[in-house]
C-alpha atoms as a PDB file:
ATOM      1  CA  MET A   1       3.589 -43.354 -35.204  1.00  0.00           C
ATOM      2  CA  LYS A   2       1.179 -40.758 -35.601  1.00  0.00           C
ATOM      3  CA  ARG A   3       0.356 -41.073 -31.433  1.00  0.00           C
ATOM      4  CA  VAL A   4       4.037 -41.138 -30.730  1.00  0.00           C
ATOM      5  CA  VAL A   5       4.483 -37.751 -32.840  1.00  0.00           C
ATOM      6  CA  ILE A   6       0.906 -36.452 -31.192  1.00  0.00           C
ATOM      7  CA  ALA A   7       2.160 -37.379 -27.497  1.00  0.00           C
ATOM      8  CA  LEU A   8       5.789 -35.083 -28.190  1.00  0.00           C
ATOM      9  CA  LEU A   9       4.252 -32.541 -29.686  1.00  0.00           C
ATOM     10  CA  LEU A  10       1.595 -32.014 -26.713  1.00  0.00           C
ATOM     11  CA  ALA A  11       4.609 -32.355 -24.125  1.00  0.00           C
ATOM     12  CA  LEU A  12       6.670 -29.872 -25.824  1.00  0.00           C
ATOM     13  CA  GLY A  13       3.535 -27.740 -25.802  1.00  0.00           C
ATOM     14  CA  ALA A  14       3.404 -28.237 -22.074  1.00  0.00           C
ATOM     15  CA  ALA A  15       7.176 -27.687 -21.507  1.00  0.00           C
ATOM     16  CA  TRP A  16       6.827 -24.549 -23.239  1.00  0.00           C
ATOM     17  CA  ALA A  17       3.849 -23.231 -21.639  1.00  0.00           C
ATOM     18  CA  GLY A  18       5.220 -24.100 -18.179  1.00  0.00           C
ATOM     19  CA  SER A  19       8.865 -22.240 -18.895  1.00  0.00           C
ATOM     20  CA  ALA A  20       6.671 -19.221 -20.320  1.00  0.00           C
ATOM     21  CA  PRO A  21       5.573 -16.007 -17.839  1.00  0.00           C
ATOM     22  CA  ALA A  22       2.010 -16.257 -16.776  1.00  0.00           C
ATOM     23  CA  GLN A  23       0.171 -13.292 -16.936  1.00  0.00           C
ATOM     24  CA  ASN A  24      -3.481 -12.728 -17.691  1.00  0.00           C
ATOM     25  CA  ALA A  25      -4.460  -9.532 -19.510  1.00  0.00           C
ATOM     26  CA  ASP A  26      -7.698 -10.220 -17.810  1.00  0.00           C
ATOM     27  CA  GLU A  27      -6.678 -10.406 -13.960  1.00  0.00           C
ATOM     28  CA  ARG A  28      -7.806  -7.591 -11.994  1.00  0.00           C
ATOM     29  CA  ALA A  29      -8.091  -6.354  -8.570  1.00  0.00           C
ATOM     30  CA  VAL A  30     -10.060  -3.859  -6.779  1.00  0.00           C
ATOM     31  CA  VAL A  31      -7.496  -2.564  -3.692  1.00  0.00           C
ATOM     32  CA  TRP A  32      -8.574   0.084  -1.078  1.00  0.00           C
ATOM     33  CA  ALA A  33      -5.957   1.804   0.875  1.00  0.00           C
ATOM     34  CA  VAL A  34      -6.265   4.491   3.851  1.00  0.00           C
ATOM     35  CA  GLY A  35      -4.162   5.331   6.956  1.00  0.00           C
ATOM     36  CA  ASP A  36      -5.082   6.686  10.317  1.00  0.00           C
ATOM     37  CA  ALA A  37      -8.410   5.523  10.648  1.00  0.00           C
ATOM     38  CA  ALA A  38      -8.577   3.429  13.705  1.00  0.00           C
ATOM     39  CA  THR A  39      -9.155   6.819  15.991  1.00  0.00           C
ATOM     40  CA  PRO A  40     -12.150   7.361  18.021  1.00  0.00           C
ATOM     41  CA  GLY A  41     -15.232   9.155  16.434  1.00  0.00           C
ATOM     42  CA  ARG A  42     -17.894   9.163  13.756  1.00  0.00           C
ATOM     43  CA  ALA A  43     -15.460  10.330  10.667  1.00  0.00           C
ATOM     44  CA  ALA A  44     -13.263   7.272  11.052  1.00  0.00           C
ATOM     45  CA  ASN A  45     -16.592   5.146  11.370  1.00  0.00           C
ATOM     46  CA  ARG A  46     -17.985   6.600   7.688  1.00  0.00           C
ATOM     47  CA  VAL A  47     -14.472   5.876   6.122  1.00  0.00           C
ATOM     48  CA  ALA A  48     -14.369   2.783   7.169  1.00  0.00           C
ATOM     49  CA  ALA A  49     -17.611   1.894   5.756  1.00  0.00           C
ATOM     50  CA  LEU A  50     -17.074   3.229   2.936  1.00  0.00           C
ATOM     51  CA  ILE A  51     -14.264   0.692   2.423  1.00  0.00           C
ATOM     52  CA  ARG A  52     -16.591  -2.116   3.966  1.00  0.00           C
ATOM     53  CA  ARG A  53     -19.496  -1.411   1.448  1.00  0.00           C
ATOM     54  CA  ALA A  54     -17.060  -1.854  -1.525  1.00  0.00           C
ATOM     55  CA  ASP A  55     -15.776  -5.287  -0.790  1.00  0.00           C
ATOM     56  CA  PRO A  56     -12.522  -5.114  -1.914  1.00  0.00           C
ATOM     57  CA  ASP A  57     -10.155  -8.042  -3.305  1.00  0.00           C
ATOM     58  CA  ARG A  58      -7.388  -6.219  -0.955  1.00  0.00           C
ATOM     59  CA  PHE A  59      -7.235  -3.622   1.751  1.00  0.00           C
ATOM     60  CA  LEU A  60      -4.230  -1.833   2.757  1.00  0.00           C
ATOM     61  CA  TYR A  61      -3.983  -0.127   5.995  1.00  0.00           C
ATOM     62  CA  LEU A  62      -0.872   2.444   6.488  1.00  0.00           C
ATOM     63  CA  GLY A  63      -0.750   2.639   9.921  1.00  0.00           C
ATOM     64  CA  ASP A  64      -1.564   4.329  13.041  1.00  0.00           C
ATOM     65  CA  VAL A  65      -3.854   3.088  15.752  1.00  0.00           C
ATOM     66  CA  TYR A  66      -4.745   6.082  18.108  1.00  0.00           C
ATOM     67  CA  GLU A  67      -3.387   6.783  20.271  1.00  0.00           C
ATOM     68  CA  THR A  68      -0.553   4.502  21.227  1.00  0.00           C
ATOM     69  CA  GLY A  69      -1.790   1.135  19.580  1.00  0.00           C
ATOM     70  CA  THR A  70      -2.502  -0.398  22.935  1.00  0.00           C
ATOM     71  CA  ARG A  71      -4.090  -4.244  22.827  1.00  0.00           C
ATOM     72  CA  ALA A  72      -7.212  -2.174  24.149  1.00  0.00           C
ATOM     73  CA  GLU A  73      -7.189   0.342  21.347  1.00  0.00           C
ATOM     74  CA  PHE A  74      -6.595  -2.330  18.234  1.00  0.00           C
ATOM     75  CA  ARG A  75      -9.808  -4.245  19.819  1.00  0.00           C
ATOM     76  CA  ARG A  76     -11.693  -1.224  20.622  1.00  0.00           C
ATOM     77  CA  GLU A  77     -10.575   1.370  17.736  1.00  0.00           C
ATOM     78  CA  TYR A  78      -9.083  -1.022  14.646  1.00  0.00           C
ATOM     79  CA  HIS A  79     -11.418  -4.400  14.940  1.00  0.00           C
ATOM     80  CA  PRO A  80     -14.787  -2.874  15.096  1.00  0.00           C
ATOM     81  CA  ARG A  81     -13.990  -0.840  11.918  1.00  0.00           C
ATOM     82  CA  PHE A  82     -11.707  -3.522   9.918  1.00  0.00           C
ATOM     83  CA  GLY A  83     -11.739  -6.815  11.821  1.00  0.00           C
ATOM     84  CA  ARG A  84     -13.712  -8.683   9.267  1.00  0.00           C
ATOM     85  CA  LEU A  85     -11.443  -7.478   6.048  1.00  0.00           C
ATOM     86  CA  ALA A  86      -8.219  -9.035   8.535  1.00  0.00           C
ATOM     87  CA  HIS A  87      -8.076 -12.021   5.513  1.00  0.00           C
ATOM     88  CA  ILE A  88      -7.595  -9.686   2.549  1.00  0.00           C
ATOM     89  CA  THR A  89      -5.813  -7.132   4.711  1.00  0.00           C
ATOM     90  CA  ILE A  90      -1.948  -6.133   4.145  1.00  0.00           C
ATOM     91  CA  PRO A  91      -1.095  -3.772   7.144  1.00  0.00           C
ATOM     92  CA  THR A  92       2.481  -1.546   7.561  1.00  0.00           C
ATOM     93  CA  ILE A  93       2.947  -0.359  11.106  1.00  0.00           C
ATOM     94  CA  GLY A  94       3.039   3.502  11.922  1.00  0.00           C
ATOM     95  CA  ASN A  95       4.676   5.630  14.524  1.00  0.00           C
ATOM     96  CA  HIS A  96       1.564   5.826  16.729  1.00  0.00           C
ATOM     97  CA  GLU A  97       1.484   1.774  17.572  1.00  0.00           C
ATOM     98  CA  TRP A  98       5.267   1.582  17.063  1.00  0.00           C
ATOM     99  CA  GLY A  99       6.022   1.909  20.941  1.00  0.00           C
ATOM    100  CA  ASN A 100       3.575  -0.918  21.996  1.00  0.00           C
ATOM    101  CA  ARG A 101       4.292  -3.330  18.956  1.00  0.00           C
ATOM    102  CA  TYR A 102       4.790  -6.278  20.898  1.00  0.00           C
ATOM    103  CA  SER A 103       1.846  -5.879  23.041  1.00  0.00           C
ATOM    104  CA  GLY A 104      -0.292  -4.394  20.302  1.00  0.00           C
ATOM    105  CA  TYR A 105       0.434  -4.467  16.440  1.00  0.00           C
ATOM    106  CA  TYR A 106       2.136  -8.114  16.432  1.00  0.00           C
ATOM    107  CA  PRO A 107      -0.500 -10.074  18.469  1.00  0.00           C
ATOM    108  CA  TYR A 108      -3.123  -8.491  17.072  1.00  0.00           C
ATOM    109  CA  TRP A 109      -2.039  -9.735  13.481  1.00  0.00           C
ATOM    110  CA  ARG A 110      -0.664 -12.970  14.664  1.00  0.00           C
ATOM    111  CA  ALA A 111      -4.160 -13.683  16.151  1.00  0.00           C
ATOM    112  CA  ARG A 112      -6.225 -12.792  13.004  1.00  0.00           C
ATOM    113  CA  LYS A 113      -4.004 -14.066  10.450  1.00  0.00           C
ATOM    114  CA  GLY A 114      -2.449 -17.320  12.354  1.00  0.00           C
ATOM    115  CA  GLN A 115       1.043 -16.301  12.073  1.00  0.00           C
ATOM    116  CA  GLY A 116       3.783 -13.839  12.729  1.00  0.00           C
ATOM    117  CA  GLN A 117       3.039 -10.238  10.866  1.00  0.00           C
ATOM    118  CA  PRO A 118       6.575  -9.533   8.721  1.00  0.00           C
ATOM    119  CA  ARG A 119       8.215  -6.751   9.494  1.00  0.00           C
ATOM    120  CA  TRP A 120       8.548  -6.470   5.497  1.00  0.00           C
ATOM    121  CA  SER A 121       7.449  -8.487   2.774  1.00  0.00           C
ATOM    122  CA  LYS A 122       6.370  -8.807  -0.706  1.00  0.00           C
ATOM    123  CA  VAL A 123       2.839  -9.889  -2.244  1.00  0.00           C
ATOM    124  CA  SER A 124       1.723 -10.323  -6.220  1.00  0.00           C
ATOM    125  CA  ILE A 125      -1.564  -8.621  -7.109  1.00  0.00           C
ATOM    126  CA  ALA A 126      -3.117  -8.478 -10.412  1.00  0.00           C
ATOM    127  CA  GLY A 127       0.216  -8.420 -12.544  1.00  0.00           C
ATOM    128  CA  TRP A 128       1.739  -5.863  -9.328  1.00  0.00           C
ATOM    129  CA  GLU A 129       4.232  -6.645  -6.959  1.00  0.00           C
ATOM    130  CA  LEU A 130       3.456  -5.033  -3.666  1.00  0.00           C
ATOM    131  CA  LEU A 131       6.361  -4.127  -1.407  1.00  0.00           C
ATOM    132  CA  VAL A 132       5.081  -3.549   2.251  1.00  0.00           C
ATOM    133  CA  LEU A 133       8.047  -1.462   3.747  1.00  0.00           C
ATOM    134  CA  ASN A 134       8.503  -0.174   7.269  1.00  0.00           C
ATOM    135  CA  SER A 135       9.229   3.237   8.320  1.00  0.00           C
ATOM    136  CA  GLN A 136       9.778   2.951  11.712  1.00  0.00           C
ATOM    137  CA  GLU A 137      12.429   0.327  11.427  1.00  0.00           C
ATOM    138  CA  PRO A 138      15.873   1.613  10.729  1.00  0.00           C
ATOM    139  CA  HIS A 139      16.473   1.889   6.889  1.00  0.00           C
ATOM    140  CA  GLY A 140      19.537   3.374   6.509  1.00  0.00           C
ATOM    141  CA  PRO A 141      21.908   2.697   3.776  1.00  0.00           C
ATOM    142  CA  ASP A 142      23.381  -0.657   6.042  1.00  0.00           C
ATOM    143  CA  SER A 143      20.326  -1.238   7.360  1.00  0.00           C
ATOM    144  CA  ARG A 144      18.819  -5.109   7.385  1.00  0.00           C
ATOM    145  CA  GLN A 145      15.325  -3.797   5.879  1.00  0.00           C
ATOM    146  CA  ILE A 146      17.397  -1.939   2.829  1.00  0.00           C
ATOM    147  CA  ARG A 147      19.346  -4.940   2.511  1.00  0.00           C
ATOM    148  CA  TRP A 148      16.252  -7.029   1.963  1.00  0.00           C
ATOM    149  CA  LEU A 149      15.204  -4.437  -0.234  1.00  0.00           C
ATOM    150  CA  GLU A 150      17.952  -4.563  -2.651  1.00  0.00           C
ATOM    151  CA  GLN A 151      18.133  -8.468  -2.508  1.00  0.00           C
ATOM    152  CA  THR A 152      14.269  -8.543  -3.350  1.00  0.00           C
ATOM    153  CA  LEU A 153      14.898  -6.000  -6.352  1.00  0.00           C
ATOM    154  CA  GLU A 154      18.324  -7.823  -7.518  1.00  0.00           C
ATOM    155  CA  GLY A 155      17.928  -8.550 -10.987  1.00  0.00           C
ATOM    156  CA  ALA A 156      14.255  -7.774 -11.149  1.00  0.00           C
ATOM    157  CA  THR A 157      12.999  -5.823 -13.960  1.00  0.00           C
ATOM    158  CA  GLY A 158      10.099  -3.683 -15.245  1.00  0.00           C
ATOM    159  CA  THR A 159       8.395  -0.951 -13.028  1.00  0.00           C
ATOM    160  CA  CYS A 160       4.745  -2.801 -11.850  1.00  0.00           C
ATOM    161  CA  ARG A 161       5.953  -2.677  -8.180  1.00  0.00           C
ATOM    162  CA  ILE A 162       4.000  -0.586  -5.524  1.00  0.00           C
ATOM    163  CA  ALA A 163       5.649   0.420  -2.212  1.00  0.00           C
ATOM    164  CA  MET A 164       3.603   1.083   0.797  1.00  0.00           C
ATOM    165  CA  MET A 165       5.344   2.723   4.166  1.00  0.00           C
ATOM    166  CA  HIS A 166       3.698   4.651   6.800  1.00  0.00           C
ATOM    167  CA  ARG A 167       5.381   8.055   6.472  1.00  0.00           C
ATOM    168  CA  PRO A 168       5.641   9.678   2.891  1.00  0.00           C
ATOM    169  CA  ARG A 169       8.914  10.890   1.115  1.00  0.00           C
ATOM    170  CA  PHE A 170       7.084  13.867  -0.281  1.00  0.00           C
ATOM    171  CA  SER A 171       4.647  15.668   1.728  1.00  0.00           C
ATOM    172  CA  ALA A 172       2.814  19.094   1.672  1.00  0.00           C
ATOM    173  CA  GLY A 173       1.160  18.560   4.771  1.00  0.00           C
ATOM    174  CA  ALA A 174       2.293  19.311   8.323  1.00  0.00           C
ATOM    175  CA  TYR A 175       5.324  16.919   8.772  1.00  0.00           C
ATOM    176  CA  GLY A 176       6.574  17.855   5.138  1.00  0.00           C
ATOM    177  CA  GLY A 177       9.303  15.683   3.231  1.00  0.00           C
ATOM    178  CA  ALA A 178      11.153  13.276   4.548  1.00  0.00           C
ATOM    179  CA  ALA A 179      14.262  13.079   3.906  1.00  0.00           C
ATOM    180  CA  ASP A 180      15.637   9.885   5.827  1.00  0.00           C
ATOM    181  CA  LEU A 181      13.451   7.905   3.716  1.00  0.00           C
ATOM    182  CA  ASN A 182      15.779   8.303   0.909  1.00  0.00           C
ATOM    183  CA  PRO A 183      17.058   5.143   0.798  1.00  0.00           C
ATOM    184  CA  PHE A 184      14.031   3.382  -0.183  1.00  0.00           C
ATOM    185  CA  TRP A 185      13.423   6.019  -3.096  1.00  0.00           C
ATOM    186  CA  SER A 186      16.563   5.635  -4.501  1.00  0.00           C
ATOM    187  CA  ARG A 187      16.432   1.841  -4.675  1.00  0.00           C
ATOM    188  CA  LEU A 188      12.704   1.751  -5.636  1.00  0.00           C
ATOM    189  CA  ALA A 189      13.526   4.501  -8.530  1.00  0.00           C
ATOM    190  CA  GLY A 190      13.316   2.510 -11.883  1.00  0.00           C
ATOM    191  CA  ARG A 191      12.001  -0.578 -10.272  1.00  0.00           C
ATOM    192  CA  ALA A 192       8.657   0.964  -8.998  1.00  0.00           C
ATOM    193  CA  SER A 193       5.798   3.308 -10.047  1.00  0.00           C
ATOM    194  CA  ILE A 194       3.675   4.315  -6.712  1.00  0.00           C
ATOM    195  CA  VAL A 195       4.267   4.675  -3.333  1.00  0.00           C
ATOM    196  CA  LEU A 196       1.427   4.702  -0.812  1.00  0.00           C
ATOM    197  CA  SER A 197       1.787   6.024   2.799  1.00  0.00           C
ATOM    198  CA  GLY A 198      -0.542   7.818   5.650  1.00  0.00           C
ATOM    199  CA  HIS A 199       0.831   9.753   8.895  1.00  0.00           C
ATOM    200  CA  ASP A 200      -0.077  13.555   7.058  1.00  0.00           C
ATOM    201  CA  HIS A 201      -3.805  13.343   7.939  1.00  0.00           C
ATOM    202  CA  ASN A 202      -5.096  14.672   4.562  1.00  0.00           C
ATOM    203  CA  LEU A 203      -5.049  13.456   0.726  1.00  0.00           C
ATOM    204  CA  GLN A 204      -2.157  13.686  -1.585  1.00  0.00           C
ATOM    205  CA  ARG A 205      -1.107  12.817  -5.006  1.00  0.00           C
ATOM    206  CA  HIS A 206       2.577  14.285  -6.065  1.00  0.00           C
ATOM    207  CA  ARG A 207       4.232  14.286  -8.928  1.00  0.00           C
ATOM    208  CA  PRO A 208       6.214  11.473 -10.103  1.00  0.00           C
ATOM    209  CA  HIS A 209       9.723  11.832  -9.081  1.00  0.00           C
ATOM    210  CA  ARG A 210      12.164   9.401 -10.471  1.00  0.00           C
ATOM    211  CA  GLY A 211       9.537   7.496 -12.157  1.00  0.00           C
ATOM    212  CA  LEU A 212       7.911   7.072  -8.607  1.00  0.00           C
ATOM    213  CA  THR A 213       4.465   8.920  -7.498  1.00  0.00           C
ATOM    214  CA  GLN A 214       3.581   9.594  -3.881  1.00  0.00           C
ATOM    215  CA  TYR A 215       0.067   8.906  -2.917  1.00  0.00           C
ATOM    216  CA  VAL A 216      -0.773  10.093   0.413  1.00  0.00           C
ATOM    217  CA  VAL A 217      -3.695   8.603   2.266  1.00  0.00           C
ATOM    218  CA  GLY A 218      -4.195   9.919   5.975  1.00  0.00           C
ATOM    219  CA  ALA A 219      -7.405  11.294   6.125  1.00  0.00           C
ATOM    220  CA  GLY A 220      -9.227   8.470   7.529  1.00  0.00           C
ATOM    221  CA  GLY A 221     -11.045  10.247   9.869  1.00  0.00           C
ATOM    222  CA  ARG A 222      -8.399  11.446  12.650  1.00  0.00           C
ATOM    223  CA  GLY A 223      -8.061  15.405  12.792  1.00  0.00           C
ATOM    224  CA  ARG A 224      -6.949  16.569   9.397  1.00  0.00           C
ATOM    225  CA  TYR A 225      -4.045  18.800   9.047  1.00  0.00           C
ATOM    226  CA  ALA A 226      -3.508  21.688   6.617  1.00  0.00           C
ATOM    227  CA  LEU A 227      -1.951  21.560   3.121  1.00  0.00           C
ATOM    228  CA  HIS A 228       0.813  24.025   2.761  1.00  0.00           C
ATOM    229  CA  SER A 229       0.397  25.671  -0.816  1.00  0.00           C
ATOM    230  CA  GLY A 230       3.736  26.754  -3.279  1.00  0.00           C
ATOM    231  CA  VAL A 231       4.713  22.740  -2.839  1.00  0.00           C
ATOM    232  CA  PRO A 232       6.006  22.181  -6.461  1.00  0.00           C
ATOM    233  CA  SER A 233       5.597  18.522  -6.132  1.00  0.00           C
ATOM    234  CA  LEU A 234       2.064  18.429  -5.408  1.00  0.00           C
ATOM    235  CA  ALA A 235      -0.488  17.560  -8.399  1.00  0.00           C
ATOM    236  CA  TRP A 236      -3.251  17.691  -6.478  1.00  0.00           C
ATOM    237  CA  GLY A 237      -4.514  17.642  -2.539  1.00  0.00           C
ATOM    238  CA  ARG A 238      -7.251  18.116   0.140  1.00  0.00           C
ATOM    239  CA  ASP A 239      -7.134  19.259   3.826  1.00  0.00           C
ATOM    240  CA  ASP A 240     -11.168  19.483   4.175  1.00  0.00           C
ATOM    241  CA  VAL A 241     -12.599  16.318   3.445  1.00  0.00           C
ATOM    242  CA  ASP A 242     -12.046  12.629   5.245  1.00  0.00           C
ATOM    243  CA  GLY A 243     -11.358   9.912   2.420  1.00  0.00           C
ATOM    244  CA  ALA A 244      -9.723   6.501   1.440  1.00  0.00           C
ATOM    245  CA  LEU A 245      -7.993   5.630  -2.095  1.00  0.00           C
ATOM    246  CA  ARG A 246      -9.649   2.882  -4.855  1.00  0.00           C
ATOM    247  CA  MET A 247      -7.315   1.156  -6.866  1.00  0.00           C
ATOM    248  CA  VAL A 248      -8.311  -0.891  -9.839  1.00  0.00           C
ATOM    249  CA  LEU A 249      -4.924  -2.871 -10.392  1.00  0.00           C
ATOM    250  CA  ARG A 250      -4.266  -4.668 -13.994  1.00  0.00           C
ATOM    251  CA  PRO A 251      -1.387  -5.870 -15.287  1.00  0.00           C
ATOM    252  CA  GLY A 252       0.439  -3.035 -16.899  1.00  0.00           C
ATOM    253  CA  ARG A 253      -1.968  -0.609 -15.343  1.00  0.00           C
ATOM    254  CA  ALA A 254      -3.751   1.212 -12.251  1.00  0.00           C
ATOM    255  CA  LEU A 255      -6.590   3.180 -11.870  1.00  0.00           C
ATOM    256  CA  LEU A 256      -6.308   5.323  -8.661  1.00  0.00           C
ATOM    257  CA  GLU A 257      -9.309   7.435  -6.916  1.00  0.00           C
ATOM    258  CA  PHE A 258      -9.658   9.166  -4.294  1.00  0.00           C
ATOM    259  CA  ARG A 259     -12.801   9.006  -2.580  1.00  0.00           C
ATOM    260  CA  ALA A 260     -14.858  11.013   0.348  1.00  0.00           C
ATOM    261  CA  PRO A 261     -16.838   8.818   2.924  1.00  0.00           C
ATOM    262  CA  SER A 262     -19.811   9.186   0.549  1.00  0.00           C
ATOM    263  CA  GLY A 263     -18.222   7.467  -2.576  1.00  0.00           C
ATOM    264  CA  ARG A 264     -18.075  10.835  -4.219  1.00  0.00           C
ATOM    265  CA  LEU A 265     -15.102  10.903  -6.353  1.00  0.00           C
ATOM    266  CA  LEU A 266     -12.591  13.492  -5.581  1.00  0.00           C
ATOM    267  CA  ASP A 267      -9.413  12.365  -7.644  1.00  0.00           C
ATOM    268  CA  ARG A 268      -8.675  10.418 -10.426  1.00  0.00           C
ATOM    269  CA  SER A 269      -5.376   9.433 -12.073  1.00  0.00           C
ATOM    270  CA  ARG A 270      -3.651   6.596 -13.658  1.00  0.00           C
ATOM    271  CA  ALA A 271      -0.712   4.839 -14.200  1.00  0.00           C
ATOM    272  CA  THR A 272       1.252   2.709 -16.386  1.00  0.00           C
ATOM    273  CA  CYS A 273       4.209   0.163 -15.315  1.00  0.00           C
ATOM    274  CA  THR A 274       6.511  -1.842 -17.804  1.00  0.00           C
ATOM    275  CA  PRO A 275       6.162  -5.534 -17.099  1.00  0.00           C
ATOM    276  CA  GLY A 276       9.361  -7.537 -15.878  1.00  0.00           C
END
């Protein structure tokens, strides 16, 4: 009888553990992000070398392979810099490779990953959910992409989500804010905490808007764009140095650091989120 009781208790314990949400407080991932870094020149080489030296757990490429994302430009500009990181890379497409996406972007990633690159997707990293969005595809309120995002977030709780897309909703750079991205923002509000983008060739951290903090990481080595003064949402920015964003993700919190190609710290911020 005693053995039966012990076995029953062990079975109940296993069932309870299987139904409880799995979250390891010690889980940790170092993630680097940059955009606009696949371009000719030593500046891009230095940014890429910084990221490779860091040996990240994940690498987020925020778009743009110059000049037009052809197969040859992926081979010549992107692959020598970041090809060895392909197995840990999560990319999103930029405007420069959009026109040649079927001959450049999609074939490159299919060859490196052994499967087609989805237009949009989600990935779990260290207690956070990464939403990979596409600012080049239609994203109006009735678009397939926004419907996918709504379905993905339906019934979701908490704010431990990071969204990435090439173009930024908020920017103090040459392009300014992109109001056409509002459908993304309105669906992410209250469900996410961080938005990562490239496109503007500088480094920016904005003040939270509806609970979302926009980071612009477009100083990957292409000629930099000046920042405009007097943009109320801008909390920190640099247009005189290249760099990338280093993130240390843990369940419920994140450390975010802009780093120069030498590794020098440029800006440090922290984010917390509410687990779902």
